[in-house]
PDB file of N, CA and C in Angstrom:
ATOM      1  N   MET A   1     -16.352 -68.657  50.827  1.00  0.00           N
ATOM      2  CA  MET A   1     -15.922 -69.102  52.150  1.00  0.00           C
ATOM      3  C   MET A   1     -14.782 -68.212  52.639  1.00  0.00           C
ATOM      4  N   LYS A   2     -14.865 -67.784  53.889  1.00  0.00           N
ATOM      5  CA  LYS A   2     -13.839 -66.931  54.473  1.00  0.00           C
ATOM      6  C   LYS A   2     -12.571 -67.735  54.755  1.00  0.00           C
ATOM      7  N   GLN A   3     -11.442 -67.195  54.311  1.00  0.00           N
ATOM      8  CA  GLN A   3     -10.165 -67.879  54.520  1.00  0.00           C
ATOM      9  C   GLN A   3      -9.595 -67.502  55.883  1.00  0.00           C
ATOM     10  N   ASP A   4      -8.969 -68.471  56.568  1.00  0.00           N
ATOM     11  CA  ASP A   4      -8.340 -68.192  57.857  1.00  0.00           C
ATOM     12  C   ASP A   4      -7.209 -67.196  57.682  1.00  0.00           C
ATOM     13  N   LYS A   5      -6.987 -66.403  58.737  1.00  0.00           N
ATOM     14  CA  LYS A   5      -5.867 -65.472  58.723  1.00  0.00           C
ATOM     15  C   LYS A   5      -4.566 -66.267  58.811  1.00  0.00           C
ATOM     16  N   ALA A   6      -3.526 -65.704  58.230  1.00  0.00           N
ATOM     17  CA  ALA A   6      -2.219 -66.356  58.278  1.00  0.00           C
ATOM     18  C   ALA A   6      -1.725 -66.409  59.719  1.00  0.00           C
ATOM     19  N   ARG A   7      -0.882 -67.370  59.969  1.00  0.00           N
ATOM     20  CA  ARG A   7      -0.332 -67.583  61.305  1.00  0.00           C
ATOM     21  C   ARG A   7       0.608 -66.458  61.708  1.00  0.00           C
ATOM     22  N   ILE A   8       0.512 -66.077  62.969  1.00  0.00           N
ATOM     23  CA  ILE A   8       1.475 -65.161  63.560  1.00  0.00           C
ATOM     24  C   ILE A   8       2.302 -65.950  64.565  1.00  0.00           C
ATOM     25  N   ILE A   9       3.510 -65.466  64.844  1.00  0.00           N
ATOM     26  CA  ILE A   9       4.386 -66.124  65.807  1.00  0.00           C
ATOM     27  C   ILE A   9       4.630 -65.154  66.960  1.00  0.00           C
ATOM     28  N   VAL A  10       4.300 -65.598  68.165  1.00  0.00           N
ATOM     29  CA  VAL A  10       4.460 -64.785  69.364  1.00  0.00           C
ATOM     30  C   VAL A  10       5.690 -65.281  70.114  1.00  0.00           C
ATOM     31  N   TYR A  11       6.629 -64.379  70.363  1.00  0.00           N
ATOM     32  CA  TYR A  11       7.847 -64.700  71.115  1.00  0.00           C
ATOM     33  C   TYR A  11       7.634 -64.207  72.542  1.00  0.00           C
ATOM     34  N   TYR A  12       7.602 -65.141  73.491  1.00  0.00           N
ATOM     35  CA  TYR A  12       7.293 -64.767  74.869  1.00  0.00           C
ATOM     36  C   TYR A  12       8.358 -65.297  75.822  1.00  0.00           C
ATOM     37  N   ASP A  13       8.382 -64.729  77.017  1.00  0.00           N
ATOM     38  CA  ASP A  13       9.350 -65.082  78.051  1.00  0.00           C
ATOM     39  C   ASP A  13       8.814 -66.259  78.869  1.00  0.00           C
ATOM     40  N   GLY A  14       9.240 -67.451  78.523  1.00  0.00           N
ATOM     41  CA  GLY A  14       8.780 -68.654  79.207  1.00  0.00           C
ATOM     42  C   GLY A  14       9.335 -68.815  80.609  1.00  0.00           C
ATOM     43  N   ALA A  15      10.321 -67.981  80.986  1.00  0.00           N
ATOM     44  CA  ALA A  15      10.860 -68.016  82.341  1.00  0.00           C
ATOM     45  C   ALA A  15      10.054 -67.114  83.273  1.00  0.00           C
ATOM     46  N   CYS A  16       9.058 -66.465  82.733  1.00  0.00           N
ATOM     47  CA  CYS A  16       8.205 -65.554  83.495  1.00  0.00           C
ATOM     48  C   CYS A  16       6.872 -66.249  83.777  1.00  0.00           C
ATOM     49  N   PRO A  17       6.587 -66.550  85.044  1.00  0.00           N
ATOM     50  CA  PRO A  17       5.325 -67.219  85.362  1.00  0.00           C
ATOM     51  C   PRO A  17       4.096 -66.450  84.865  1.00  0.00           C
ATOM     52  N   GLN A  18       4.110 -65.133  84.969  1.00  0.00           N
ATOM     53  CA  GLN A  18       2.971 -64.338  84.506  1.00  0.00           C
ATOM     54  C   GLN A  18       2.821 -64.423  82.985  1.00  0.00           C
ATOM     55  N   CYS A  19       3.955 -64.440  82.277  1.00  0.00           N
ATOM     56  CA  CYS A  19       3.910 -64.537  80.812  1.00  0.00           C
ATOM     57  C   CYS A  19       3.340 -65.889  80.375  1.00  0.00           C
ATOM     58  N   VAL A  20       3.710 -66.944  81.082  1.00  0.00           N
ATOM     59  CA  VAL A  20       3.190 -68.284  80.785  1.00  0.00           C
ATOM     60  C   VAL A  20       1.687 -68.321  81.063  1.00  0.00           C
ATOM     61  N   LYS A  21       1.276 -67.714  82.167  1.00  0.00           N
ATOM     62  CA  LYS A  21      -0.147 -67.650  82.502  1.00  0.00           C
ATOM     63  C   LYS A  21      -0.905 -66.850  81.438  1.00  0.00           C
ATOM     64  N   ASP A  22      -0.327 -65.723  81.015  1.00  0.00           N
ATOM     65  CA  ASP A  22      -0.960 -64.903  79.968  1.00  0.00           C
ATOM     66  C   ASP A  22      -1.110 -65.704  78.675  1.00  0.00           C
ATOM     67  N   ARG A  23      -0.090 -66.467  78.336  1.00  0.00           N
ATOM     68  CA  ARG A  23      -0.158 -67.299  77.128  1.00  0.00           C
ATOM     69  C   ARG A  23      -1.332 -68.270  77.228  1.00  0.00           C
ATOM     70  N   ARG A  24      -1.437 -68.960  78.341  1.00  0.00           N
ATOM     71  CA  ARG A  24      -2.544 -69.908  78.532  1.00  0.00           C
ATOM     72  C   ARG A  24      -3.896 -69.216  78.396  1.00  0.00           C
ATOM     73  N   ASN A  25      -4.001 -68.014  78.973  1.00  0.00           N
ATOM     74  CA  ASN A  25      -5.255 -67.266  78.878  1.00  0.00           C
ATOM     75  C   ASN A  25      -5.581 -66.913  77.434  1.00  0.00           C
ATOM     76  N   TYR A  26      -4.579 -66.449  76.687  1.00  0.00           N
ATOM     77  CA  TYR A  26      -4.801 -66.126  75.271  1.00  0.00           C
ATOM     78  C   TYR A  26      -5.237 -67.374  74.500  1.00  0.00           C
ATOM     79  N   GLU A  27      -4.579 -68.492  74.786  1.00  0.00           N
ATOM     80  CA  GLU A  27      -4.933 -69.738  74.095  1.00  0.00           C
ATOM     81  C   GLU A  27      -6.369 -70.150  74.400  1.00  0.00           C
ATOM     82  N   GLN A  28      -6.774 -70.042  75.645  1.00  0.00           N
ATOM     83  CA  GLN A  28      -8.139 -70.412  76.019  1.00  0.00           C
ATOM     84  C   GLN A  28      -9.161 -69.483  75.369  1.00  0.00           C
ATOM     85  N   LEU A  29      -8.863 -68.197  75.342  1.00  0.00           N
ATOM     86  CA  LEU A  29      -9.792 -67.221  74.762  1.00  0.00           C
ATOM     87  C   LEU A  29      -9.838 -67.292  73.237  1.00  0.00           C
ATOM     88  N   SER A  30      -8.782 -67.835  72.628  1.00  0.00           N
ATOM     89  CA  SER A  30      -8.679 -67.856  71.169  1.00  0.00           C
ATOM     90  C   SER A  30      -9.668 -68.783  70.495  1.00  0.00           C
ATOM     91  N   GLY A  31     -10.079 -69.829  71.195  1.00  0.00           N
ATOM     92  CA  GLY A  31     -11.003 -70.776  70.588  1.00  0.00           C
ATOM     93  C   GLY A  31     -10.417 -71.382  69.324  1.00  0.00           C
ATOM     94  N   LYS A  32     -11.200 -71.400  68.259  1.00  0.00           N
ATOM     95  CA  LYS A  32     -10.761 -71.998  66.993  1.00  0.00           C
ATOM     96  C   LYS A  32      -9.594 -71.250  66.361  1.00  0.00           C
ATOM     97  N   SER A  33      -9.449 -69.966  66.656  1.00  0.00           N
ATOM     98  CA  SER A  33      -8.377 -69.191  66.029  1.00  0.00           C
ATOM     99  C   SER A  33      -7.008 -69.453  66.657  1.00  0.00           C
ATOM    100  N   LYS A  34      -6.951 -70.287  67.715  1.00  0.00           N
ATOM    101  CA  LYS A  34      -5.654 -70.548  68.360  1.00  0.00           C
ATOM    102  C   LYS A  34      -4.661 -71.225  67.424  1.00  0.00           C
ATOM    103  N   ASP A  35      -5.147 -71.910  66.398  1.00  0.00           N
ATOM    104  CA  ASP A  35      -4.252 -72.560  65.444  1.00  0.00           C
ATOM    105  C   ASP A  35      -3.513 -71.551  64.569  1.00  0.00           C
ATOM    106  N   ASN A  36      -3.964 -70.309  64.576  1.00  0.00           N
ATOM    107  CA  ASN A  36      -3.313 -69.260  63.792  1.00  0.00           C
ATOM    108  C   ASN A  36      -2.288 -68.483  64.607  1.00  0.00           C
ATOM    109  N   ILE A  37      -2.036 -68.955  65.833  1.00  0.00           N
ATOM    110  CA  ILE A  37      -1.057 -68.299  66.706  1.00  0.00           C
ATOM    111  C   ILE A  37      -0.062 -69.352  67.173  1.00  0.00           C
ATOM    112  N   GLN A  38       1.196 -69.155  66.836  1.00  0.00           N
ATOM    113  CA  GLN A  38       2.268 -70.048  67.289  1.00  0.00           C
ATOM    114  C   GLN A  38       3.031 -69.329  68.389  1.00  0.00           C
ATOM    115  N   TRP A  39       3.328 -70.030  69.453  1.00  0.00           N
ATOM    116  CA  TRP A  39       4.036 -69.456  70.598  1.00  0.00           C
ATOM    117  C   TRP A  39       5.443 -70.032  70.670  1.00  0.00           C
ATOM    118  N   ILE A  40       6.441 -69.163  70.823  1.00  0.00           N
ATOM    119  CA  ILE A  40       7.831 -69.607  70.955  1.00  0.00           C
ATOM    120  C   ILE A  40       8.441 -68.972  72.201  1.00  0.00           C
ATOM    121  N   ASP A  41       8.906 -69.827  73.091  1.00  0.00           N
ATOM    122  CA  ASP A  41       9.582 -69.396  74.321  1.00  0.00           C
ATOM    123  C   ASP A  41      10.977 -68.905  73.939  1.00  0.00           C
ATOM    124  N   ILE A  42      11.305 -67.675  74.323  1.00  0.00           N
ATOM    125  CA  ILE A  42      12.611 -67.087  73.958  1.00  0.00           C
ATOM    126  C   ILE A  42      13.711 -67.421  74.954  1.00  0.00           C
ATOM    127  N   THR A  43      13.376 -68.111  76.034  1.00  0.00           N
ATOM    128  CA  THR A  43      14.371 -68.431  77.055  1.00  0.00           C
ATOM    129  C   THR A  43      15.518 -69.230  76.452  1.00  0.00           C
ATOM    130  N   GLY A  44      16.739 -68.679  76.559  1.00  0.00           N
ATOM    131  CA  GLY A  44      17.923 -69.364  76.050  1.00  0.00           C
ATOM    132  C   GLY A  44      18.043 -69.362  74.535  1.00  0.00           C
ATOM    133  N   LYS A  45      17.277 -68.542  73.856  1.00  0.00           N
ATOM    134  CA  LYS A  45      17.302 -68.527  72.385  1.00  0.00           C
ATOM    135  C   LYS A  45      17.838 -67.202  71.833  1.00  0.00           C
ATOM    136  N   GLU A  46      18.921 -66.731  72.443  1.00  0.00           N
ATOM    137  CA  GLU A  46      19.502 -65.465  72.031  1.00  0.00           C
ATOM    138  C   GLU A  46      19.943 -65.474  70.570  1.00  0.00           C
ATOM    139  N   SER A  47      20.528 -66.587  70.112  1.00  0.00           N
ATOM    140  CA  SER A  47      21.002 -66.631  68.719  1.00  0.00           C
ATOM    141  C   SER A  47      19.827 -66.577  67.739  1.00  0.00           C
ATOM    142  N   LEU A  48      18.719 -67.220  68.073  1.00  0.00           N
ATOM    143  CA  LEU A  48      17.525 -67.132  67.225  1.00  0.00           C
ATOM    144  C   LEU A  48      17.035 -65.691  67.156  1.00  0.00           C
ATOM    145  N   LEU A  49      16.973 -65.033  68.299  1.00  0.00           N
ATOM    146  CA  LEU A  49      16.517 -63.644  68.332  1.00  0.00           C
ATOM    147  C   LEU A  49      17.444 -62.753  67.507  1.00  0.00           C
ATOM    148  N   HIS A  50      18.757 -62.915  67.707  1.00  0.00           N
ATOM    149  CA  HIS A  50      19.727 -62.123  66.925  1.00  0.00           C
ATOM    150  C   HIS A  50      19.532 -62.358  65.430  1.00  0.00           C
ATOM    151  N   SER A  51      19.294 -63.595  65.024  1.00  0.00           N
ATOM    152  CA  SER A  51      19.139 -63.907  63.598  1.00  0.00           C
ATOM    153  C   SER A  51      17.917 -63.221  62.989  1.00  0.00           C
ATOM    154  N   MET A  52      16.951 -62.869  63.838  1.00  0.00           N
ATOM    155  CA  MET A  52      15.754 -62.181  63.361  1.00  0.00           C
ATOM    156  C   MET A  52      15.853 -60.671  63.537  1.00  0.00           C
ATOM    157  N   GLY A  53      16.992 -60.214  64.065  1.00  0.00           N
ATOM    158  CA  GLY A  53      17.176 -58.785  64.271  1.00  0.00           C
ATOM    159  C   GLY A  53      16.534 -58.266  65.545  1.00  0.00           C
ATOM    160  N   ILE A  54      16.296 -59.169  66.494  1.00  0.00           N
ATOM    161  CA  ILE A  54      15.702 -58.773  67.775  1.00  0.00           C
ATOM    162  C   ILE A  54      16.773 -58.816  68.851  1.00  0.00           C
ATOM    163  N   ASP A  55      16.941 -57.720  69.572  1.00  0.00           N
ATOM    164  CA  ASP A  55      17.863 -57.663  70.696  1.00  0.00           C
ATOM    165  C   ASP A  55      17.267 -58.507  71.833  1.00  0.00           C
ATOM    166  N   PRO A  56      17.986 -59.526  72.307  1.00  0.00           N
ATOM    167  CA  PRO A  56      17.442 -60.387  73.368  1.00  0.00           C
ATOM    168  C   PRO A  56      17.013 -59.625  74.625  1.00  0.00           C
ATOM    169  N   LYS A  57      17.737 -58.563  74.985  1.00  0.00           N
ATOM    170  CA  LYS A  57      17.338 -57.769  76.155  1.00  0.00           C
ATOM    171  C   LYS A  57      16.008 -57.067  75.886  1.00  0.00           C
ATOM    172  N   LYS A  58      15.856 -56.562  74.672  1.00  0.00           N
ATOM    173  CA  LYS A  58      14.603 -55.904  74.314  1.00  0.00           C
ATOM    174  C   LYS A  58      13.457 -56.926  74.271  1.00  0.00           C
ATOM    175  N   ALA A  59      13.774 -58.154  73.883  1.00  0.00           N
ATOM    176  CA  ALA A  59      12.753 -59.201  73.831  1.00  0.00           C
ATOM    177  C   ALA A  59      12.211 -59.511  75.222  1.00  0.00           C
ATOM    178  N   LEU A  60      13.028 -59.322  76.261  1.00  0.00           N
ATOM    179  CA  LEU A  60      12.549 -59.506  77.628  1.00  0.00           C
ATOM    180  C   LEU A  60      11.688 -58.332  78.074  1.00  0.00           C
ATOM    181  N   MET A  61      11.945 -57.172  77.483  1.00  0.00           N
ATOM    182  CA  MET A  61      11.256 -55.953  77.882  1.00  0.00           C
ATOM    183  C   MET A  61       9.937 -55.728  77.142  1.00  0.00           C
ATOM    184  N   GLU A  62       9.799 -56.313  75.965  1.00  0.00           N
ATOM    185  CA  GLU A  62       8.615 -56.068  75.146  1.00  0.00           C
ATOM    186  C   GLU A  62       8.214 -57.346  74.418  1.00  0.00           C
ATOM    187  N   LEU A  63       6.914 -57.558  74.313  1.00  0.00           N
ATOM    188  CA  LEU A  63       6.406 -58.661  73.521  1.00  0.00           C
ATOM    189  C   LEU A  63       6.765 -58.427  72.062  1.00  0.00           C
ATOM    190  N   HIS A  64       7.191 -59.485  71.381  1.00  0.00           N
ATOM    191  CA  HIS A  64       7.508 -59.419  69.946  1.00  0.00           C
ATOM    192  C   HIS A  64       6.682 -60.458  69.203  1.00  0.00           C
ATOM    193  N   ILE A  65       6.203 -60.064  68.030  1.00  0.00           N
ATOM    194  CA  ILE A  65       5.408 -60.948  67.179  1.00  0.00           C
ATOM    195  C   ILE A  65       5.888 -60.807  65.744  1.00  0.00           C
ATOM    196  N   LYS A  66       5.995 -61.946  65.061  1.00  0.00           N
ATOM    197  CA  LYS A  66       6.239 -61.931  63.618  1.00  0.00           C
ATOM    198  C   LYS A  66       4.879 -62.091  62.960  1.00  0.00           C
ATOM    199  N   ASP A  67       4.511 -61.099  62.137  1.00  0.00           N
ATOM    200  CA  ASP A  67       3.190 -61.147  61.512  1.00  0.00           C
ATOM    201  C   ASP A  67       3.202 -61.977  60.241  1.00  0.00           C
ATOM    202  N   GLU A  68       2.064 -62.045  59.581  1.00  0.00           N
ATOM    203  CA  GLU A  68       1.926 -62.870  58.380  1.00  0.00           C
ATOM    204  C   GLU A  68       2.782 -62.381  57.221  1.00  0.00           C
ATOM    205  N   ASN A  69       3.271 -61.130  57.301  1.00  0.00           N
ATOM    206  CA  ASN A  69       4.157 -60.580  56.273  1.00  0.00           C
ATOM    207  C   ASN A  69       5.630 -60.672  56.663  1.00  0.00           C
ATOM    208  N   GLN A  70       5.906 -61.444  57.738  1.00  0.00           N
ATOM    209  CA  GLN A  70       7.262 -61.665  58.243  1.00  0.00           C
ATOM    210  C   GLN A  70       7.871 -60.410  58.865  1.00  0.00           C
ATOM    211  N   GLN A  71       7.044 -59.445  59.225  1.00  0.00           N
ATOM    212  CA  GLN A  71       7.491 -58.231  59.894  1.00  0.00           C
ATOM    213  C   GLN A  71       7.434 -58.453  61.403  1.00  0.00           C
ATOM    214  N   ILE A  72       8.405 -57.894  62.117  1.00  0.00           N
ATOM    215  CA  ILE A  72       8.432 -58.011  63.566  1.00  0.00           C
ATOM    216  C   ILE A  72       7.764 -56.779  64.169  1.00  0.00           C
ATOM    217  N   LEU A  73       6.778 -57.027  65.003  1.00  0.00           N
ATOM    218  CA  LEU A  73       6.103 -55.970  65.749  1.00  0.00           C
ATOM    219  C   LEU A  73       6.454 -56.142  67.216  1.00  0.00           C
ATOM    220  N   SER A  74       6.514 -55.042  67.950  1.00  0.00           N
ATOM    221  CA  SER A  74       6.832 -55.148  69.371  1.00  0.00           C
ATOM    222  C   SER A  74       5.933 -54.228  70.186  1.00  0.00           C
ATOM    223  N   GLU A  75       6.001 -54.443  71.465  1.00  0.00           N
ATOM    224  CA  GLU A  75       5.294 -53.681  72.473  1.00  0.00           C
ATOM    225  C   GLU A  75       3.798 -53.594  72.175  1.00  0.00           C
ATOM    226  N   ILE A  76       3.224 -52.406  72.191  1.00  0.00           N
ATOM    227  CA  ILE A  76       1.776 -52.240  72.038  1.00  0.00           C
ATOM    228  C   ILE A  76       1.316 -52.712  70.659  1.00  0.00           C
ATOM    229  N   ASP A  77       2.117 -52.466  69.627  1.00  0.00           N
ATOM    230  CA  ASP A  77       1.748 -52.942  68.281  1.00  0.00           C
ATOM    231  C   ASP A  77       1.576 -54.459  68.274  1.00  0.00           C
ATOM    232  N   ALA A  78       2.433 -55.153  69.009  1.00  0.00           N
ATOM    233  CA  ALA A  78       2.342 -56.611  69.097  1.00  0.00           C
ATOM    234  C   ALA A  78       1.061 -57.027  69.822  1.00  0.00           C
ATOM    235  N   TYR A  79       0.742 -56.334  70.899  1.00  0.00           N
ATOM    236  CA  TYR A  79      -0.482 -56.660  71.624  1.00  0.00           C
ATOM    237  C   TYR A  79      -1.729 -56.368  70.796  1.00  0.00           C
ATOM    238  N   VAL A  80      -1.705 -55.275  70.048  1.00  0.00           N
ATOM    239  CA  VAL A  80      -2.845 -54.956  69.179  1.00  0.00           C
ATOM    240  C   VAL A  80      -3.078 -56.103  68.197  1.00  0.00           C
ATOM    241  N   LEU A  81      -2.003 -56.581  67.572  1.00  0.00           N
ATOM    242  CA  LEU A  81      -2.133 -57.686  66.618  1.00  0.00           C
ATOM    243  C   LEU A  81      -2.622 -58.962  67.311  1.00  0.00           C
ATOM    244  N   LEU A  82      -1.994 -59.317  68.432  1.00  0.00           N
ATOM    245  CA  LEU A  82      -2.376 -60.536  69.140  1.00  0.00           C
ATOM    246  C   LEU A  82      -3.844 -60.481  69.554  1.00  0.00           C
ATOM    247  N   MET A  83      -4.254 -59.380  70.154  1.00  0.00           N
ATOM    248  CA  MET A  83      -5.639 -59.262  70.611  1.00  0.00           C
ATOM    249  C   MET A  83      -6.623 -59.250  69.450  1.00  0.00           C
ATOM    250  N   SER A  84      -6.198 -58.720  68.315  1.00  0.00           N
ATOM    251  CA  SER A  84      -7.096 -58.702  67.156  1.00  0.00           C
ATOM    252  C   SER A  84      -7.348 -60.108  66.627  1.00  0.00           C
ATOM    253  N   ARG A  85      -6.481 -61.068  66.976  1.00  0.00           N
ATOM    254  CA  ARG A  85      -6.634 -62.466  66.551  1.00  0.00           C
ATOM    255  C   ARG A  85      -7.482 -63.280  67.516  1.00  0.00           C
ATOM    256  N   VAL A  86      -7.814 -62.694  68.662  1.00  0.00           N
ATOM    257  CA  VAL A  86      -8.627 -63.365  69.673  1.00  0.00           C
ATOM    258  C   VAL A  86     -10.006 -62.699  69.648  1.00  0.00           C
ATOM    259  N   PRO A  87     -11.003 -63.406  69.118  1.00  0.00           N
ATOM    260  CA  PRO A  87     -12.308 -62.777  68.894  1.00  0.00           C
ATOM    261  C   PRO A  87     -12.852 -61.955  70.061  1.00  0.00           C
ATOM    262  N   VAL A  88     -12.798 -62.484  71.264  1.00  0.00           N
ATOM    263  CA  VAL A  88     -13.360 -61.774  72.407  1.00  0.00           C
ATOM    264  C   VAL A  88     -12.537 -60.524  72.778  1.00  0.00           C
ATOM    265  N   LEU A  89     -11.266 -60.472  72.370  1.00  0.00           N
ATOM    266  CA  LEU A  89     -10.398 -59.330  72.687  1.00  0.00           C
ATOM    267  C   LEU A  89     -10.284 -58.318  71.547  1.00  0.00           C
ATOM    268  N   LYS A  90     -10.871 -58.634  70.413  1.00  0.00           N
ATOM    269  CA  LYS A  90     -10.748 -57.758  69.245  1.00  0.00           C
ATOM    270  C   LYS A  90     -11.184 -56.315  69.540  1.00  0.00           C
ATOM    271  N   PRO A  91     -12.314 -56.086  70.226  1.00  0.00           N
ATOM    272  CA  PRO A  91     -12.672 -54.693  70.537  1.00  0.00           C
ATOM    273  C   PRO A  91     -11.617 -53.990  71.397  1.00  0.00           C
ATOM    274  N   LEU A  92     -11.042 -54.723  72.346  1.00  0.00           N
ATOM    275  CA  LEU A  92      -9.997 -54.148  73.192  1.00  0.00           C
ATOM    276  C   LEU A  92      -8.756 -53.794  72.371  1.00  0.00           C
ATOM    277  N   SER A  93      -8.457 -54.582  71.340  1.00  0.00           N
ATOM    278  CA  SER A  93      -7.287 -54.292  70.497  1.00  0.00           C
ATOM    279  C   SER A  93      -7.428 -52.922  69.835  1.00  0.00           C
ATOM    280  N   LYS A  94      -8.640 -52.553  69.507  1.00  0.00           N
ATOM    281  CA  LYS A  94      -8.877 -51.241  68.899  1.00  0.00           C
ATOM    282  C   LYS A  94      -8.674 -50.122  69.919  1.00  0.00           C
ATOM    283  N   VAL A  95      -9.079 -50.360  71.146  1.00  0.00           N
ATOM    284  CA  VAL A  95      -8.958 -49.354  72.207  1.00  0.00           C
ATOM    285  C   VAL A  95      -7.492 -49.111  72.560  1.00  0.00           C
ATOM    286  N   ILE A  96      -6.715 -50.179  72.744  1.00  0.00           N
ATOM    287  CA  ILE A  96      -5.322 -49.982  73.172  1.00  0.00           C
ATOM    288  C   ILE A  96      -4.467 -49.349  72.082  1.00  0.00           C
ATOM    289  N   GLY A  97      -4.937 -49.375  70.850  1.00  0.00           N
ATOM    290  CA  GLY A  97      -4.206 -48.750  69.761  1.00  0.00           C
ATOM    291  C   GLY A  97      -4.532 -47.277  69.564  1.00  0.00           C
ATOM    292  N   LEU A  98      -5.491 -46.757  70.325  1.00  0.00           N
ATOM    293  CA  LEU A  98      -5.872 -45.350  70.172  1.00  0.00           C
ATOM    294  C   LEU A  98      -4.736 -44.412  70.580  1.00  0.00           C
ATOM    295  N   PRO A  99      -4.600 -43.287  69.876  1.00  0.00           N
ATOM    296  CA  PRO A  99      -3.489 -42.351  70.136  1.00  0.00           C
ATOM    297  C   PRO A  99      -3.383 -41.858  71.580  1.00  0.00           C
ATOM    298  N   LEU A 100      -4.469 -41.676  72.276  1.00  0.00           N
ATOM    299  CA  LEU A 100      -4.390 -41.207  73.661  1.00  0.00           C
ATOM    300  C   LEU A 100      -4.134 -42.347  74.648  1.00  0.00           C
ATOM    301  N   VAL A 101      -4.556 -43.527  74.314  1.00  0.00           N
ATOM    302  CA  VAL A 101      -4.415 -44.680  75.209  1.00  0.00           C
ATOM    303  C   VAL A 101      -3.021 -45.294  75.097  1.00  0.00           C
ATOM    304  N   ARG A 102      -2.517 -45.411  73.875  1.00  0.00           N
ATOM    305  CA  ARG A 102      -1.246 -46.092  73.608  1.00  0.00           C
ATOM    306  C   ARG A 102      -0.078 -45.590  74.470  1.00  0.00           C
ATOM    307  N   PRO A 103       0.205 -44.273  74.527  1.00  0.00           N
ATOM    308  CA  PRO A 103       1.372 -43.838  75.317  1.00  0.00           C
ATOM    309  C   PRO A 103       1.225 -44.097  76.821  1.00  0.00           C
ATOM    310  N   MET A 104       0.015 -43.927  77.334  1.00  0.00           N
ATOM    311  CA  MET A 104      -0.193 -44.199  78.765  1.00  0.00           C
ATOM    312  C   MET A 104      -0.019 -45.685  79.058  1.00  0.00           C
ATOM    313  N   LEU A 105      -0.595 -46.509  78.217  1.00  0.00           N
ATOM    314  CA  LEU A 105      -0.489 -47.956  78.380  1.00  0.00           C
ATOM    315  C   LEU A 105       0.964 -48.411  78.255  1.00  0.00           C
ATOM    316  N   SER A 106       1.701 -47.796  77.345  1.00  0.00           N
ATOM    317  CA  SER A 106       3.109 -48.135  77.155  1.00  0.00           C
ATOM    318  C   SER A 106       3.913 -47.853  78.422  1.00  0.00           C
ATOM    319  N   LYS A 107       3.657 -46.725  79.067  1.00  0.00           N
ATOM    320  CA  LYS A 107       4.379 -46.391  80.305  1.00  0.00           C
ATOM    321  C   LYS A 107       4.086 -47.406  81.401  1.00  0.00           C
ATOM    322  N   VAL A 108       2.817 -47.740  81.573  1.00  0.00           N
ATOM    323  CA  VAL A 108       2.424 -48.721  82.591  1.00  0.00           C
ATOM    324  C   VAL A 108       3.036 -50.084  82.278  1.00  0.00           C
ATOM    325  N   TYR A 109       2.982 -50.464  81.005  1.00  0.00           N
ATOM    326  CA  TYR A 109       3.535 -51.740  80.554  1.00  0.00           C
ATOM    327  C   TYR A 109       5.025 -51.842  80.887  1.00  0.00           C
ATOM    328  N   HIS A 110       5.800 -50.820  80.546  1.00  0.00           N
ATOM    329  CA  HIS A 110       7.244 -50.849  80.806  1.00  0.00           C
ATOM    330  C   HIS A 110       7.550 -50.821  82.299  1.00  0.00           C
ATOM    331  N   TRP A 111       6.766 -50.093  83.056  1.00  0.00           N
ATOM    332  CA  TRP A 111       6.966 -50.051  84.500  1.00  0.00           C
ATOM    333  C   TRP A 111       6.773 -51.450  85.088  1.00  0.00           C
ATOM    334  N   LYS A 112       5.695 -52.137  84.667  1.00  0.00           N
ATOM    335  CA  LYS A 112       5.415 -53.485  85.172  1.00  0.00           C
ATOM    336  C   LYS A 112       6.499 -54.481  84.750  1.00  0.00           C
ATOM    337  N   VAL A 113       6.957 -54.392  83.516  1.00  0.00           N
ATOM    338  CA  VAL A 113       8.000 -55.318  83.048  1.00  0.00           C
ATOM    339  C   VAL A 113       9.302 -55.077  83.804  1.00  0.00           C
ATOM    340  N   ASN A 114       9.694 -53.824  83.963  1.00  0.00           N
ATOM    341  CA  ASN A 114      10.925 -53.519  84.706  1.00  0.00           C
ATOM    342  C   ASN A 114      10.843 -54.036  86.135  1.00  0.00           C
ATOM    343  N   ARG A 115       9.687 -53.857  86.770  1.00  0.00           N
ATOM    344  CA  ARG A 115       9.499 -54.345  88.140  1.00  0.00           C
ATOM    345  C   ARG A 115       9.597 -55.869  88.182  1.00  0.00           C
ATOM    346  N   ARG A 116       8.986 -56.548  87.214  1.00  0.00           N
ATOM    347  CA  ARG A 116       9.022 -58.020  87.155  1.00  0.00           C
ATOM    348  C   ARG A 116      10.452 -58.524  86.990  1.00  0.00           C
ATOM    349  N   LEU A 117      11.204 -57.893  86.096  1.00  0.00           N
ATOM    350  CA  LEU A 117      12.586 -58.330  85.861  1.00  0.00           C
ATOM    351  C   LEU A 117      13.483 -58.052  87.070  1.00  0.00           C
ATOM    352  N   ARG A 118      13.279 -56.918  87.731  1.00  0.00           N
ATOM    353  CA  ARG A 118      14.052 -56.618  88.946  1.00  0.00           C
ATOM    354  C   ARG A 118      13.765 -57.645  90.026  1.00  0.00           C
ATOM    355  N   ARG A 119      12.482 -57.950  90.230  1.00  0.00           N
ATOM    356  CA  ARG A 119      12.090 -58.892  91.278  1.00  0.00           C
ATOM    357  C   ARG A 119      12.607 -60.301  91.010  1.00  0.00           C
ATOM    358  N   SER A 120      12.734 -60.651  89.736  1.00  0.00           N
ATOM    359  CA  SER A 120      13.217 -61.996  89.399  1.00  0.00           C
ATOM    360  C   SER A 120      14.740 -62.049  89.311  1.00  0.00           C
ATOM    361  N   GLY A 121      15.395 -60.894  89.511  1.00  0.00           N
ATOM    362  CA  GLY A 121      16.848 -60.835  89.466  1.00  0.00           C
ATOM    363  C   GLY A 121      17.409 -60.910  88.060  1.00  0.00           C
ATOM    364  N   ARG A 122      16.584 -60.646  87.050  1.00  0.00           N
ATOM    365  CA  ARG A 122      17.048 -60.727  85.665  1.00  0.00           C
ATOM    366  C   ARG A 122      17.258 -59.360  85.054  1.00  0.00           C
ATOM    367  N   SER A 123      17.119 -58.316  85.836  1.00  0.00           N
ATOM    368  CA  SER A 123      17.272 -56.971  85.292  1.00  0.00           C
ATOM    369  C   SER A 123      18.728 -56.538  85.361  1.00  0.00           C
ATOM    370  N   SER A 124      19.244 -56.114  84.231  1.00  0.00           N
ATOM    371  CA  SER A 124      20.604 -55.545  84.217  1.00  0.00           C
ATOM    372  C   SER A 124      20.538 -54.205  83.501  1.00  0.00           C
ATOM    373  N   PHE A 125      19.365 -53.577  83.593  1.00  0.00           N
ATOM    374  CA  PHE A 125      19.133 -52.325  82.862  1.00  0.00           C
ATOM    375  C   PHE A 125      19.174 -51.145  83.802  1.00  0.00           C
TER     376      PHE A 125
END
């Protein structure tokens, strides 16, 4: 019998409407595997982030995930892991991790996050 994958913990910006919507979408697409993904809203949890070695400002700029080995992954690496846990997104997780795709996607990702934070008045970068 195949054993379930260990739980991962996704740290997301709950003060971001798009991030909350993305979380709901991931949960819906996850099906039975959603129990292997725990979501934690980082809003107001700076001390928790510091205790894990995550800069709270960086946590707003990049998705962070604690994997089954207690390692923290961020940005595209975090998305690759998250998508690999969602059956319908697993093929996409392989594509976004490709050497030619990753840097371009990273630039677009950071541009969108910076724009979102500026528009919400939370950017001090």
